[in-house]
């Protein structure tokens, strides 16, 4: 095999809680993560030319060693004792810097692709051990589906899938610094989402209950500074969303709908408002993994 293409799926946080700051400076989290069927396509090709080259169809994605996809290939090949000679191309469909793990999922896709391309036979856990050194969301992106994420994001437990629904994703034209959000998070004033209750909702297949327990403590920082987030949530709810919250550190907002027609109408209303040019109607999914 000389070339392989892998789908790199985005994610949302059905709930995101921060429990505190660990001695090493990382934040301890408790999150329920969910894959959506919006994905990038990552193509990895063996090359006769030494080195690693990353290209992307979007100009605002770094193409050198600062790109997680580059670092993923370099780390896995170094660990396997193979001199790198690769071309990586990313077809970007997930919005950039959106709070949807776009960079992390491309990183995970490269780890999967290189593992297959060079027949390294590394287990998912082995790839996750490399991935967590590159980004806290990478181990989850190697797994996908519905999962409880604890620790700094590397302790993962598979959960039942949510009931069938339609998801509207909308990213306003904002750049959010994840570091800034975490640095300005005041855990003494936030309302912590009931993660345990959401776990019970998933076990029961209760979509209404799940939506009532959704929450994201990081929105306490991003929301007041960027009112577009709240305005998009309001439009989604007015158009029939059971709930709408921000994903990750933002700025993407996602709303959950039982009715596909209402979801399409919400998309049209958000585009008409001018609050977001990147709006997608999506669904939850569990990717197949090798």
C-alpha atoms as a PDB file:
ATOM      1  CA  UNK A   1       0.000   0.000   0.000  1.00  0.00           C
ATOM      2  CA  UNK A   2       1.385   3.389  -1.030  1.00  0.00           C
ATOM      3  CA  UNK A   3      -1.473   5.713  -0.094  1.00  0.00           C
ATOM      4  CA  UNK A   4      -4.460   5.761   2.239  1.00  0.00           C
ATOM      5  CA  UNK A   5      -7.293   8.192   2.978  1.00  0.00           C
ATOM      6  CA  UNK A   6      -8.944   8.322   6.412  1.00  0.00           C
ATOM      7  CA  UNK A   7     -12.044  10.190   7.593  1.00  0.00           C
ATOM      8  CA  UNK A   8     -11.299  12.448  10.575  1.00  0.00           C
ATOM      9  CA  UNK A   9     -14.563  13.119  12.430  1.00  0.00           C
ATOM     10  CA  UNK A  10     -15.332  16.193  14.518  1.00  0.00           C
ATOM     11  CA  UNK A  11     -16.773  16.098  18.035  1.00  0.00           C
ATOM     12  CA  UNK A  12     -18.970  18.061  20.378  1.00  0.00           C
ATOM     13  CA  UNK A  13     -19.129  18.069  24.167  1.00  0.00           C
ATOM     14  CA  UNK A  14     -22.575  17.020  25.383  1.00  0.00           C
ATOM     15  CA  UNK A  15     -21.338  18.297  28.719  1.00  0.00           C
ATOM     16  CA  UNK A  16     -18.037  19.746  29.829  1.00  0.00           C
ATOM     17  CA  UNK A  17     -17.123  20.191  33.472  1.00  0.00           C
ATOM     18  CA  UNK A  18     -13.810  21.303  34.936  1.00  0.00           C
ATOM     19  CA  UNK A  19     -13.127  19.922  38.406  1.00  0.00           C
ATOM     20  CA  UNK A  20      -9.932  21.763  39.273  1.00  0.00           C
ATOM     21  CA  UNK A  21      -6.294  22.375  38.424  1.00  0.00           C
ATOM     22  CA  UNK A  22      -3.783  19.556  38.826  1.00  0.00           C
ATOM     23  CA  UNK A  23      -0.276  20.075  40.278  1.00  0.00           C
ATOM     24  CA  UNK A  24       1.201  19.909  36.761  1.00  0.00           C
ATOM     25  CA  UNK A  25      -0.963  22.850  35.668  1.00  0.00           C
ATOM     26  CA  UNK A  26      -3.384  20.822  33.564  1.00  0.00           C
ATOM     27  CA  UNK A  27      -7.090  21.036  34.278  1.00  0.00           C
ATOM     28  CA  UNK A  28      -8.953  17.976  35.512  1.00  0.00           C
ATOM     29  CA  UNK A  29     -12.096  17.514  33.450  1.00  0.00           C
ATOM     30  CA  UNK A  30     -15.229  15.409  33.324  1.00  0.00           C
ATOM     31  CA  UNK A  31     -16.767  15.478  29.853  1.00  0.00           C
ATOM     32  CA  UNK A  32     -19.151  13.489  27.724  1.00  0.00           C
ATOM     33  CA  UNK A  33     -17.839  13.548  24.178  1.00  0.00           C
ATOM     34  CA  UNK A  34     -19.767  12.726  21.031  1.00  0.00           C
ATOM     35  CA  UNK A  35     -18.652  12.274  17.419  1.00  0.00           C
ATOM     36  CA  UNK A  36     -20.589  14.053  14.680  1.00  0.00           C
ATOM     37  CA  UNK A  37     -20.690  13.016  11.023  1.00  0.00           C
ATOM     38  CA  UNK A  38     -18.892  16.153   9.826  1.00  0.00           C
ATOM     39  CA  UNK A  39     -15.381  15.072   8.888  1.00  0.00           C
ATOM     40  CA  UNK A  40     -12.098  16.042   7.258  1.00  0.00           C
ATOM     41  CA  UNK A  41     -10.436  13.661   4.797  1.00  0.00           C
ATOM     42  CA  UNK A  42      -6.751  13.011   5.560  1.00  0.00           C
ATOM     43  CA  UNK A  43      -4.663  11.392   2.809  1.00  0.00           C
ATOM     44  CA  UNK A  44      -1.225  10.012   3.655  1.00  0.00           C
ATOM     45  CA  UNK A  45       1.074   8.945   0.814  1.00  0.00           C
ATOM     46  CA  UNK A  46       4.536   7.406   0.848  1.00  0.00           C
ATOM     47  CA  UNK A  47       7.099   9.556  -0.961  1.00  0.00           C
ATOM     48  CA  UNK A  48      10.493   9.071  -2.558  1.00  0.00           C
ATOM     49  CA  UNK A  49      11.508  12.415  -1.042  1.00  0.00           C
ATOM     50  CA  UNK A  50      12.702  12.351   2.586  1.00  0.00           C
ATOM     51  CA  UNK A  51      10.791  14.343   5.186  1.00  0.00           C
ATOM     52  CA  UNK A  52       7.154  15.122   5.917  1.00  0.00           C
ATOM     53  CA  UNK A  53       5.103  17.567   3.872  1.00  0.00           C
ATOM     54  CA  UNK A  54       1.629  18.705   4.928  1.00  0.00           C
ATOM     55  CA  UNK A  55      -0.781  20.485   2.594  1.00  0.00           C
ATOM     56  CA  UNK A  56      -4.340  21.638   3.189  1.00  0.00           C
ATOM     57  CA  UNK A  57      -7.114  23.063   1.057  1.00  0.00           C
ATOM     58  CA  UNK A  58      -7.680  25.803   3.675  1.00  0.00           C
ATOM     59  CA  UNK A  59      -5.027  28.489   3.904  1.00  0.00           C
ATOM     60  CA  UNK A  60      -5.354  29.117   7.646  1.00  0.00           C
ATOM     61  CA  UNK A  61      -4.121  25.624   8.599  1.00  0.00           C
ATOM     62  CA  UNK A  62      -0.380  25.390   9.423  1.00  0.00           C
ATOM     63  CA  UNK A  63       1.552  23.108   7.092  1.00  0.00           C
ATOM     64  CA  UNK A  64       4.832  22.676   8.985  1.00  0.00           C
ATOM     65  CA  UNK A  65       5.954  21.009  12.229  1.00  0.00           C
ATOM     66  CA  UNK A  66       3.442  23.112  14.203  1.00  0.00           C
ATOM     67  CA  UNK A  67       0.641  21.068  12.597  1.00  0.00           C
ATOM     68  CA  UNK A  68      -0.471  18.159  14.798  1.00  0.00           C
ATOM     69  CA  UNK A  69      -0.773  15.931  11.720  1.00  0.00           C
ATOM     70  CA  UNK A  70       2.920  16.473  10.956  1.00  0.00           C
ATOM     71  CA  UNK A  71       3.890  15.789  14.563  1.00  0.00           C
ATOM     72  CA  UNK A  72       1.768  12.626  14.647  1.00  0.00           C
ATOM     73  CA  UNK A  73       3.513  11.116  11.628  1.00  0.00           C
ATOM     74  CA  UNK A  74       6.927  12.143  12.934  1.00  0.00           C
ATOM     75  CA  UNK A  75       6.280  10.696  16.413  1.00  0.00           C
ATOM     76  CA  UNK A  76       4.937   7.329  15.220  1.00  0.00           C
ATOM     77  CA  UNK A  77       7.616   6.805  12.567  1.00  0.00           C
ATOM     78  CA  UNK A  78      10.364   7.774  15.026  1.00  0.00           C
ATOM     79  CA  UNK A  79       8.946   5.309  17.561  1.00  0.00           C
ATOM     80  CA  UNK A  80       8.951   2.623  14.834  1.00  0.00           C
ATOM     81  CA  UNK A  81      12.502   3.446  13.724  1.00  0.00           C
ATOM     82  CA  UNK A  82      11.440   4.470  10.204  1.00  0.00           C
ATOM     83  CA  UNK A  83      12.891   7.477   8.389  1.00  0.00           C
ATOM     84  CA  UNK A  84       9.939   9.673   7.385  1.00  0.00           C
ATOM     85  CA  UNK A  85       9.153  10.193   3.707  1.00  0.00           C
ATOM     86  CA  UNK A  86       5.509  11.199   3.538  1.00  0.00           C
ATOM     87  CA  UNK A  87       3.067  13.586   1.917  1.00  0.00           C
ATOM     88  CA  UNK A  88      -0.030  14.422   3.985  1.00  0.00           C
ATOM     89  CA  UNK A  89      -3.001  16.268   2.527  1.00  0.00           C
ATOM     90  CA  UNK A  90      -5.935  17.487   4.624  1.00  0.00           C
ATOM     91  CA  UNK A  91      -9.276  18.213   2.985  1.00  0.00           C
ATOM     92  CA  UNK A  92     -10.764  20.476   5.637  1.00  0.00           C
ATOM     93  CA  UNK A  93     -14.518  20.354   6.246  1.00  0.00           C
ATOM     94  CA  UNK A  94     -14.588  20.844  10.029  1.00  0.00           C
ATOM     95  CA  UNK A  95     -14.343  24.587  10.786  1.00  0.00           C
ATOM     96  CA  UNK A  96     -10.882  25.680  11.938  1.00  0.00           C
ATOM     97  CA  UNK A  97     -10.407  26.658  15.614  1.00  0.00           C
ATOM     98  CA  UNK A  98     -14.017  25.736  16.330  1.00  0.00           C
ATOM     99  CA  UNK A  99     -13.955  23.770  19.589  1.00  0.00           C
ATOM    100  CA  UNK A 100     -14.656  20.584  17.606  1.00  0.00           C
ATOM    101  CA  UNK A 101     -11.194  18.960  17.911  1.00  0.00           C
ATOM    102  CA  UNK A 102     -10.417  19.576  14.226  1.00  0.00           C
ATOM    103  CA  UNK A 103      -6.645  19.544  14.699  1.00  0.00           C
ATOM    104  CA  UNK A 104      -6.777  16.631  17.132  1.00  0.00           C
ATOM    105  CA  UNK A 105      -8.926  14.487  14.849  1.00  0.00           C
ATOM    106  CA  UNK A 106      -6.577  15.090  11.900  1.00  0.00           C
ATOM    107  CA  UNK A 107      -3.717  14.076  14.205  1.00  0.00           C
ATOM    108  CA  UNK A 108      -5.570  10.876  15.151  1.00  0.00           C
ATOM    109  CA  UNK A 109      -6.315  10.124  11.490  1.00  0.00           C
ATOM    110  CA  UNK A 110      -2.616  10.380  10.639  1.00  0.00           C
ATOM    111  CA  UNK A 111      -1.709   7.994  13.469  1.00  0.00           C
ATOM    112  CA  UNK A 112      -4.283   5.521  12.114  1.00  0.00           C
ATOM    113  CA  UNK A 113      -3.128   6.011   8.514  1.00  0.00           C
ATOM    114  CA  UNK A 114       0.603   5.628   9.208  1.00  0.00           C
ATOM    115  CA  UNK A 115      -0.093   2.560  11.345  1.00  0.00           C
ATOM    116  CA  UNK A 116      -1.911   0.933   8.405  1.00  0.00           C
ATOM    117  CA  UNK A 117       0.349   2.242   5.635  1.00  0.00           C
ATOM    118  CA  UNK A 118       3.509   0.826   7.213  1.00  0.00           C
ATOM    119  CA  UNK A 119       1.797  -2.258   8.686  1.00  0.00           C
ATOM    120  CA  UNK A 120       3.031  -1.317  12.181  1.00  0.00           C
ATOM    121  CA  UNK A 121       0.271  -3.299  13.908  1.00  0.00           C
ATOM    122  CA  UNK A 122       0.089  -0.856  16.826  1.00  0.00           C
ATOM    123  CA  UNK A 123      -2.975  -1.263  19.029  1.00  0.00           C
ATOM    124  CA  UNK A 124      -5.365   1.606  19.596  1.00  0.00           C
ATOM    125  CA  UNK A 125      -4.053   1.930  23.161  1.00  0.00           C
ATOM    126  CA  UNK A 126      -0.493   2.184  21.837  1.00  0.00           C
ATOM    127  CA  UNK A 127      -1.547   4.934  19.430  1.00  0.00           C
ATOM    128  CA  UNK A 128      -3.388   6.698  22.257  1.00  0.00           C
ATOM    129  CA  UNK A 129      -0.208   6.707  24.357  1.00  0.00           C
ATOM    130  CA  UNK A 130       1.521   8.594  21.561  1.00  0.00           C
ATOM    131  CA  UNK A 131      -1.518  10.781  20.884  1.00  0.00           C
ATOM    132  CA  UNK A 132      -1.953  12.092  24.436  1.00  0.00           C
ATOM    133  CA  UNK A 133       1.533  13.613  24.220  1.00  0.00           C
ATOM    134  CA  UNK A 134       0.345  15.610  21.212  1.00  0.00           C
ATOM    135  CA  UNK A 135      -3.043  16.765  22.505  1.00  0.00           C
ATOM    136  CA  UNK A 136      -5.538  15.901  25.244  1.00  0.00           C
ATOM    137  CA  UNK A 137      -8.358  15.239  22.731  1.00  0.00           C
ATOM    138  CA  UNK A 138      -6.309  12.921  20.483  1.00  0.00           C
ATOM    139  CA  UNK A 139      -6.950   9.694  22.473  1.00  0.00           C
ATOM    140  CA  UNK A 140     -10.696  10.305  22.238  1.00  0.00           C
ATOM    141  CA  UNK A 141     -10.468  11.058  18.507  1.00  0.00           C
ATOM    142  CA  UNK A 142      -8.742   7.696  18.011  1.00  0.00           C
ATOM    143  CA  UNK A 143     -11.757   6.100  19.674  1.00  0.00           C
ATOM    144  CA  UNK A 144     -14.788   8.173  18.691  1.00  0.00           C
ATOM    145  CA  UNK A 145     -18.440   7.559  19.467  1.00  0.00           C
ATOM    146  CA  UNK A 146     -19.936   8.422  22.851  1.00  0.00           C
ATOM    147  CA  UNK A 147     -17.479   8.495  25.733  1.00  0.00           C
ATOM    148  CA  UNK A 148     -16.875   9.785  29.236  1.00  0.00           C
ATOM    149  CA  UNK A 149     -13.565  11.628  29.283  1.00  0.00           C
ATOM    150  CA  UNK A 150     -11.777  12.169  32.596  1.00  0.00           C
ATOM    151  CA  UNK A 151      -8.356  13.152  33.925  1.00  0.00           C
ATOM    152  CA  UNK A 152      -6.968  15.650  31.415  1.00  0.00           C
ATOM    153  CA  UNK A 153      -9.062  13.929  28.757  1.00  0.00           C
ATOM    154  CA  UNK A 154      -7.059  10.733  28.418  1.00  0.00           C
ATOM    155  CA  UNK A 155      -9.150   8.453  30.680  1.00  0.00           C
ATOM    156  CA  UNK A 156     -11.937   7.223  28.422  1.00  0.00           C
ATOM    157  CA  UNK A 157     -14.983   5.041  29.016  1.00  0.00           C
ATOM    158  CA  UNK A 158     -17.363   3.970  26.236  1.00  0.00           C
ATOM    159  CA  UNK A 159     -20.999   4.996  26.770  1.00  0.00           C
ATOM    160  CA  UNK A 160     -24.307   4.101  25.097  1.00  0.00           C
ATOM    161  CA  UNK A 161     -25.085   6.171  22.008  1.00  0.00           C
ATOM    162  CA  UNK A 162     -27.674   8.960  22.389  1.00  0.00           C
ATOM    163  CA  UNK A 163     -31.108   8.433  20.821  1.00  0.00           C
ATOM    164  CA  UNK A 164     -31.407   9.392  17.147  1.00  0.00           C
ATOM    165  CA  UNK A 165     -31.576  13.138  16.579  1.00  0.00           C
ATOM    166  CA  UNK A 166     -30.464  15.908  14.234  1.00  0.00           C
ATOM    167  CA  UNK A 167     -27.668  18.307  15.179  1.00  0.00           C
ATOM    168  CA  UNK A 168     -27.114  21.832  13.875  1.00  0.00           C
ATOM    169  CA  UNK A 169     -23.560  23.148  14.148  1.00  0.00           C
ATOM    170  CA  UNK A 170     -22.803  26.859  13.765  1.00  0.00           C
ATOM    171  CA  UNK A 171     -19.397  28.503  14.088  1.00  0.00           C
ATOM    172  CA  UNK A 172     -19.336  32.308  14.312  1.00  0.00           C
ATOM    173  CA  UNK A 173     -16.364  34.059  12.725  1.00  0.00           C
ATOM    174  CA  UNK A 174     -14.371  34.277  15.949  1.00  0.00           C
ATOM    175  CA  UNK A 175     -11.012  33.028  17.112  1.00  0.00           C
ATOM    176  CA  UNK A 176     -11.045  31.701  20.660  1.00  0.00           C
ATOM    177  CA  UNK A 177      -7.846  30.964  22.572  1.00  0.00           C
ATOM    178  CA  UNK A 178      -8.356  27.783  24.587  1.00  0.00           C
ATOM    179  CA  UNK A 179      -5.539  28.821  26.913  1.00  0.00           C
ATOM    180  CA  UNK A 180      -7.193  32.187  27.543  1.00  0.00           C
ATOM    181  CA  UNK A 181     -10.515  30.527  28.356  1.00  0.00           C
ATOM    182  CA  UNK A 182      -9.009  28.098  30.852  1.00  0.00           C
ATOM    183  CA  UNK A 183      -6.814  30.822  32.392  1.00  0.00           C
ATOM    184  CA  UNK A 184      -9.894  32.990  33.026  1.00  0.00           C
ATOM    185  CA  UNK A 185     -12.222  30.233  34.247  1.00  0.00           C
ATOM    186  CA  UNK A 186     -13.484  30.918  37.776  1.00  0.00           C
ATOM    187  CA  UNK A 187     -14.647  27.592  39.194  1.00  0.00           C
ATOM    188  CA  UNK A 188     -16.054  29.282  42.295  1.00  0.00           C
ATOM    189  CA  UNK A 189     -18.910  30.876  40.334  1.00  0.00           C
ATOM    190  CA  UNK A 190     -19.745  28.381  37.556  1.00  0.00           C
ATOM    191  CA  UNK A 191     -22.723  26.033  37.513  1.00  0.00           C
ATOM    192  CA  UNK A 192     -21.356  22.532  37.113  1.00  0.00           C
ATOM    193  CA  UNK A 193     -23.342  20.343  34.686  1.00  0.00           C
ATOM    194  CA  UNK A 194     -24.794  17.133  36.207  1.00  0.00           C
ATOM    195  CA  UNK A 195     -22.557  14.590  34.484  1.00  0.00           C
ATOM    196  CA  UNK A 196     -23.946  11.694  36.532  1.00  0.00           C
ATOM    197  CA  UNK A 197     -27.514  12.536  35.514  1.00  0.00           C
ATOM    198  CA  UNK A 198     -26.495  12.615  31.855  1.00  0.00           C
ATOM    199  CA  UNK A 199     -24.892   9.177  32.203  1.00  0.00           C
ATOM    200  CA  UNK A 200     -28.250   7.914  33.482  1.00  0.00           C
ATOM    201  CA  UNK A 201     -30.043   9.601  30.561  1.00  0.00           C
ATOM    202  CA  UNK A 202     -27.791   7.772  28.102  1.00  0.00           C
ATOM    203  CA  UNK A 203     -28.420   4.463  29.836  1.00  0.00           C
ATOM    204  CA  UNK A 204     -32.183   5.039  29.588  1.00  0.00           C
ATOM    205  CA  UNK A 205     -32.079   6.426  26.038  1.00  0.00           C
ATOM    206  CA  UNK A 206     -33.778   9.609  27.263  1.00  0.00           C
ATOM    207  CA  UNK A 207     -33.062  12.377  24.743  1.00  0.00           C
ATOM    208  CA  UNK A 208     -35.178  15.001  26.523  1.00  0.00           C
ATOM    209  CA  UNK A 209     -33.450  14.318  29.842  1.00  0.00           C
ATOM    210  CA  UNK A 210     -30.029  14.361  28.190  1.00  0.00           C
ATOM    211  CA  UNK A 211     -30.720  17.751  26.611  1.00  0.00           C
ATOM    212  CA  UNK A 212     -31.949  19.178  29.927  1.00  0.00           C
ATOM    213  CA  UNK A 213     -28.610  18.239  31.543  1.00  0.00           C
ATOM    214  CA  UNK A 214     -26.298  19.592  28.836  1.00  0.00           C
ATOM    215  CA  UNK A 215     -23.847  22.284  29.907  1.00  0.00           C
ATOM    216  CA  UNK A 216     -20.362  23.674  29.416  1.00  0.00           C
ATOM    217  CA  UNK A 217     -18.538  25.576  32.176  1.00  0.00           C
ATOM    218  CA  UNK A 218     -16.214  27.175  29.614  1.00  0.00           C
ATOM    219  CA  UNK A 219     -19.156  29.119  28.235  1.00  0.00           C
ATOM    220  CA  UNK A 220     -18.975  31.216  31.420  1.00  0.00           C
ATOM    221  CA  UNK A 221     -15.831  32.774  29.912  1.00  0.00           C
ATOM    222  CA  UNK A 222     -16.497  32.710  26.168  1.00  0.00           C
ATOM    223  CA  UNK A 223     -20.208  33.649  26.316  1.00  0.00           C
ATOM    224  CA  UNK A 224     -19.962  37.065  28.019  1.00  0.00           C
ATOM    225  CA  UNK A 225     -17.034  38.117  25.817  1.00  0.00           C
ATOM    226  CA  UNK A 226     -18.673  36.967  22.587  1.00  0.00           C
ATOM    227  CA  UNK A 227     -22.461  37.520  22.684  1.00  0.00           C
ATOM    228  CA  UNK A 228     -22.756  35.889  19.242  1.00  0.00           C
ATOM    229  CA  UNK A 229     -22.610  32.528  21.031  1.00  0.00           C
ATOM    230  CA  UNK A 230     -25.738  33.251  23.077  1.00  0.00           C
ATOM    231  CA  UNK A 231     -27.563  34.773  20.107  1.00  0.00           C
ATOM    232  CA  UNK A 232     -27.018  31.637  18.019  1.00  0.00           C
ATOM    233  CA  UNK A 233     -28.227  29.479  20.903  1.00  0.00           C
ATOM    234  CA  UNK A 234     -31.361  31.630  21.135  1.00  0.00           C
ATOM    235  CA  UNK A 235     -32.107  31.242  17.413  1.00  0.00           C
ATOM    236  CA  UNK A 236     -31.717  27.465  17.653  1.00  0.00           C
ATOM    237  CA  UNK A 237     -34.069  27.233  20.631  1.00  0.00           C
ATOM    238  CA  UNK A 238     -36.610  29.522  18.954  1.00  0.00           C
ATOM    239  CA  UNK A 239     -36.547  27.195  15.944  1.00  0.00           C
ATOM    240  CA  UNK A 240     -37.273  24.144  18.071  1.00  0.00           C
ATOM    241  CA  UNK A 241     -33.969  22.906  19.481  1.00  0.00           C
ATOM    242  CA  UNK A 242     -34.368  20.828  22.628  1.00  0.00           C
ATOM    243  CA  UNK A 243     -31.142  22.456  23.821  1.00  0.00           C
ATOM    244  CA  UNK A 244     -28.232  24.448  22.400  1.00  0.00           C
ATOM    245  CA  UNK A 245     -24.809  24.896  23.997  1.00  0.00           C
ATOM    246  CA  UNK A 246     -21.242  25.739  23.068  1.00  0.00           C
ATOM    247  CA  UNK A 247     -18.747  22.973  22.274  1.00  0.00           C
ATOM    248  CA  UNK A 248     -15.281  22.925  23.832  1.00  0.00           C
ATOM    249  CA  UNK A 249     -13.833  26.370  24.422  1.00  0.00           C
ATOM    250  CA  UNK A 250     -15.902  27.613  21.504  1.00  0.00           C
ATOM    251  CA  UNK A 251     -17.019  29.329  19.520  1.00  0.00           C
ATOM    252  CA  UNK A 252     -19.093  26.592  17.798  1.00  0.00           C
ATOM    253  CA  UNK A 253     -22.646  26.208  19.080  1.00  0.00           C
ATOM    254  CA  UNK A 254     -24.627  23.040  18.514  1.00  0.00           C
ATOM    255  CA  UNK A 255     -28.333  22.457  18.903  1.00  0.00           C
ATOM    256  CA  UNK A 256     -30.194  19.144  19.167  1.00  0.00           C
ATOM    257  CA  UNK A 257     -33.431  18.686  17.209  1.00  0.00           C
ATOM    258  CA  UNK A 258     -35.898  15.839  16.971  1.00  0.00           C
ATOM    259  CA  UNK A 259     -37.219  17.121  13.631  1.00  0.00           C
ATOM    260  CA  UNK A 260     -35.005  17.417  10.517  1.00  0.00           C
ATOM    261  CA  UNK A 261     -37.242  20.124   9.041  1.00  0.00           C
ATOM    262  CA  UNK A 262     -36.828  22.323  12.114  1.00  0.00           C
ATOM    263  CA  UNK A 263     -33.070  21.759  11.964  1.00  0.00           C
ATOM    264  CA  UNK A 264     -32.940  22.959   8.343  1.00  0.00           C
ATOM    265  CA  UNK A 265     -35.049  25.996   9.265  1.00  0.00           C
ATOM    266  CA  UNK A 266     -32.653  26.785  12.119  1.00  0.00           C
ATOM    267  CA  UNK A 267     -29.732  26.621   9.695  1.00  0.00           C
ATOM    268  CA  UNK A 268     -31.480  29.060   7.355  1.00  0.00           C
ATOM    269  CA  UNK A 269     -32.280  31.439  10.229  1.00  0.00           C
ATOM    270  CA  UNK A 270     -28.690  31.463  11.504  1.00  0.00           C
ATOM    271  CA  UNK A 271     -27.308  32.128   8.017  1.00  0.00           C
ATOM    272  CA  UNK A 272     -29.866  34.909   7.500  1.00  0.00           C
ATOM    273  CA  UNK A 273     -28.875  36.511  10.811  1.00  0.00           C
ATOM    274  CA  UNK A 274     -25.276  36.924   9.666  1.00  0.00           C
ATOM    275  CA  UNK A 275     -24.017  35.486  12.949  1.00  0.00           C
ATOM    276  CA  UNK A 276     -22.350  32.529  11.219  1.00  0.00           C
ATOM    277  CA  UNK A 277     -21.362  31.611   7.673  1.00  0.00           C
ATOM    278  CA  UNK A 278     -20.380  28.071   8.654  1.00  0.00           C
ATOM    279  CA  UNK A 279     -23.585  26.201   9.545  1.00  0.00           C
ATOM    280  CA  UNK A 280     -24.074  22.458   9.130  1.00  0.00           C
ATOM    281  CA  UNK A 281     -26.902  19.993   9.671  1.00  0.00           C
ATOM    282  CA  UNK A 282     -25.331  16.853  11.062  1.00  0.00           C
ATOM    283  CA  UNK A 283     -25.990  13.746  13.139  1.00  0.00           C
ATOM    284  CA  UNK A 284     -24.228  11.854  15.880  1.00  0.00           C
ATOM    285  CA  UNK A 285     -22.201   8.854  14.757  1.00  0.00           C
ATOM    286  CA  UNK A 286     -19.805   6.152  15.919  1.00  0.00           C
ATOM    287  CA  UNK A 287     -16.959   5.771  13.395  1.00  0.00           C
ATOM    288  CA  UNK A 288     -15.671   2.373  12.425  1.00  0.00           C
ATOM    289  CA  UNK A 289     -12.119   1.884  13.638  1.00  0.00           C
ATOM    290  CA  UNK A 290      -9.435  -0.522  12.452  1.00  0.00           C
END
